[in-house]
Amino acid sequence: MLSGALSRVAGVVLGGFTNCMPSEGSFGTLTLGVPAEMDADAGTLRLLEPAVS
């Protein structure tokens, strides 16, 4: 299998979901197509441009 490869992962950013409906208890959404910076040490995801122009 993965032999513990995921134990070294500090964060994952996923995108490209289509036809998905929010479920009860969902945490919200991020705007697609906006450049972002992930800081795995701080546990943050920062948008580098405004999500709405």
N, C-alpha and C. Protein backbone atom coordinates (compact mmCIF):
# COMPACT_ATOMS: atom_id res chain seq x y z
N MET A 1 0.83 -1.19 0.00
CA MET A 1 0.00 0.00 0.00
C MET A 1 0.87 1.25 0.00
N LEU A 2 0.54 2.23 0.82
CA LEU A 2 1.25 3.50 0.83
C LEU A 2 2.45 3.51 1.77
N SER A 3 2.59 2.50 2.57
CA SER A 3 3.73 2.37 3.48
C SER A 3 3.97 3.61 4.33
N GLY A 4 2.92 4.23 4.80
CA GLY A 4 3.05 5.40 5.66
C GLY A 4 3.35 6.69 4.94
N ALA A 5 3.25 6.72 3.62
CA ALA A 5 3.58 7.94 2.85
C ALA A 5 2.72 9.12 3.28
N LEU A 6 1.46 8.88 3.63
CA LEU A 6 0.58 9.99 4.01
C LEU A 6 0.89 10.52 5.40
N SER A 7 1.64 9.80 6.19
CA SER A 7 1.98 10.30 7.53
C SER A 7 2.91 11.51 7.46
N ARG A 8 3.56 11.73 6.32
CA ARG A 8 4.44 12.88 6.15
C ARG A 8 3.72 14.09 5.55
N VAL A 9 2.46 13.93 5.18
CA VAL A 9 1.70 15.01 4.55
C VAL A 9 1.17 15.96 5.61
N ALA A 10 1.46 17.26 5.45
CA ALA A 10 0.99 18.26 6.41
C ALA A 10 -0.32 18.89 5.98
N GLY A 11 -0.63 18.85 4.70
CA GLY A 11 -1.87 19.44 4.22
C GLY A 11 -2.13 19.07 2.78
N VAL A 12 -3.38 19.12 2.41
CA VAL A 12 -3.79 18.81 1.04
C VAL A 12 -4.84 19.82 0.62
N VAL A 13 -4.69 20.36 -0.57
CA VAL A 13 -5.68 21.26 -1.13
C VAL A 13 -6.29 20.57 -2.34
N LEU A 14 -7.59 20.43 -2.34
CA LEU A 14 -8.30 19.76 -3.42
C LEU A 14 -9.15 20.75 -4.18
N GLY A 15 -9.39 20.48 -5.44
CA GLY A 15 -10.24 21.37 -6.24
C GLY A 15 -10.82 20.62 -7.43
N GLY A 16 -11.67 21.31 -8.16
CA GLY A 16 -12.26 20.74 -9.36
C GLY A 16 -13.48 19.88 -9.12
N PHE A 17 -14.19 20.07 -8.03
CA PHE A 17 -15.39 19.30 -7.76
C PHE A 17 -16.57 19.92 -8.53
N THR A 18 -17.34 19.13 -9.20
CA THR A 18 -18.51 19.63 -9.93
C THR A 18 -19.75 18.86 -9.50
N ASN A 19 -20.88 19.52 -9.61
CA ASN A 19 -22.18 18.91 -9.27
C ASN A 19 -22.21 18.37 -7.84
N CYS A 20 -21.58 19.06 -6.92
CA CYS A 20 -21.57 18.66 -5.51
C CYS A 20 -22.50 19.59 -4.74
N MET A 21 -23.32 19.01 -3.92
CA MET A 21 -24.24 19.78 -3.09
C MET A 21 -23.71 19.80 -1.66
N PRO A 22 -23.81 20.96 -0.98
CA PRO A 22 -23.35 21.00 0.41
C PRO A 22 -24.19 20.06 1.28
N SER A 23 -23.52 19.47 2.25
CA SER A 23 -24.22 18.58 3.17
C SER A 23 -24.36 19.26 4.52
N GLU A 24 -25.19 18.70 5.36
CA GLU A 24 -25.39 19.25 6.69
C GLU A 24 -24.05 19.22 7.44
N GLY A 25 -23.69 20.31 8.06
CA GLY A 25 -22.44 20.39 8.80
C GLY A 25 -21.25 20.77 7.95
N SER A 26 -21.49 21.15 6.68
CA SER A 26 -20.35 21.54 5.84
C SER A 26 -19.76 22.85 6.35
N PHE A 27 -18.50 23.07 6.08
CA PHE A 27 -17.77 24.21 6.62
C PHE A 27 -17.71 25.40 5.69
N GLY A 28 -18.33 25.34 4.52
CA GLY A 28 -18.29 26.45 3.59
C GLY A 28 -17.48 26.09 2.35
N THR A 29 -17.22 27.09 1.54
CA THR A 29 -16.52 26.84 0.28
C THR A 29 -15.42 27.86 0.06
N LEU A 30 -14.50 27.54 -0.78
CA LEU A 30 -13.49 28.47 -1.26
C LEU A 30 -13.77 28.74 -2.72
N THR A 31 -13.48 29.93 -3.17
CA THR A 31 -13.68 30.28 -4.56
C THR A 31 -12.66 29.54 -5.41
N LEU A 32 -13.13 28.96 -6.51
CA LEU A 32 -12.25 28.22 -7.41
C LEU A 32 -11.47 29.17 -8.30
N GLY A 33 -10.27 28.80 -8.65
CA GLY A 33 -9.47 29.57 -9.58
C GLY A 33 -8.70 30.72 -8.98
N VAL A 34 -8.71 30.86 -7.67
CA VAL A 34 -7.99 31.94 -7.01
C VAL A 34 -6.66 31.38 -6.50
N PRO A 35 -5.53 31.98 -6.90
CA PRO A 35 -4.25 31.51 -6.38
C PRO A 35 -4.22 31.59 -4.86
N ALA A 36 -3.64 30.57 -4.23
CA ALA A 36 -3.60 30.52 -2.78
C ALA A 36 -2.25 30.00 -2.33
N GLU A 37 -1.94 30.27 -1.07
CA GLU A 37 -0.68 29.82 -0.47
C GLU A 37 -1.01 29.01 0.78
N MET A 38 -0.52 27.80 0.83
CA MET A 38 -0.75 26.95 1.99
C MET A 38 0.51 26.96 2.86
N ASP A 39 0.33 27.24 4.14
CA ASP A 39 1.42 27.16 5.12
C ASP A 39 1.11 25.97 6.01
N ALA A 40 1.74 24.86 5.72
CA ALA A 40 1.45 23.63 6.46
C ALA A 40 1.86 23.74 7.93
N ASP A 41 2.93 24.46 8.21
CA ASP A 41 3.36 24.61 9.60
C ASP A 41 2.35 25.39 10.42
N ALA A 42 1.79 26.47 9.84
CA ALA A 42 0.82 27.29 10.55
C ALA A 42 -0.60 26.75 10.41
N GLY A 43 -0.82 25.82 9.47
CA GLY A 43 -2.16 25.28 9.25
C GLY A 43 -3.09 26.28 8.61
N THR A 44 -2.55 27.12 7.70
CA THR A 44 -3.37 28.16 7.07
C THR A 44 -3.38 28.02 5.55
N LEU A 45 -4.42 28.55 4.96
CA LEU A 45 -4.55 28.69 3.51
C LEU A 45 -4.93 30.12 3.25
N ARG A 46 -4.08 30.87 2.53
CA ARG A 46 -4.29 32.30 2.30
C ARG A 46 -4.53 32.54 0.83
N LEU A 47 -5.63 33.25 0.51
CA LEU A 47 -5.89 33.64 -0.87
C LEU A 47 -4.95 34.77 -1.26
N LEU A 48 -4.29 34.65 -2.41
CA LEU A 48 -3.32 35.65 -2.86
C LEU A 48 -3.95 36.76 -3.69
N GLU A 49 -5.18 36.57 -4.13
CA GLU A 49 -5.94 37.56 -4.88
C GLU A 49 -7.36 37.60 -4.33
N PRO A 50 -8.07 38.70 -4.52
CA PRO A 50 -9.46 38.75 -4.06
C PRO A 50 -10.29 37.68 -4.77
N ALA A 51 -11.20 37.08 -4.05
CA ALA A 51 -12.07 36.04 -4.62
C ALA A 51 -13.13 36.67 -5.54
N VAL A 52 -13.44 37.92 -5.31
CA VAL A 52 -14.43 38.63 -6.11
C VAL A 52 -13.81 39.94 -6.56
N SER A 53 -13.97 40.23 -7.86
CA SER A 53 -13.39 41.50 -8.35
C SER A 53 -14.42 42.59 -8.44
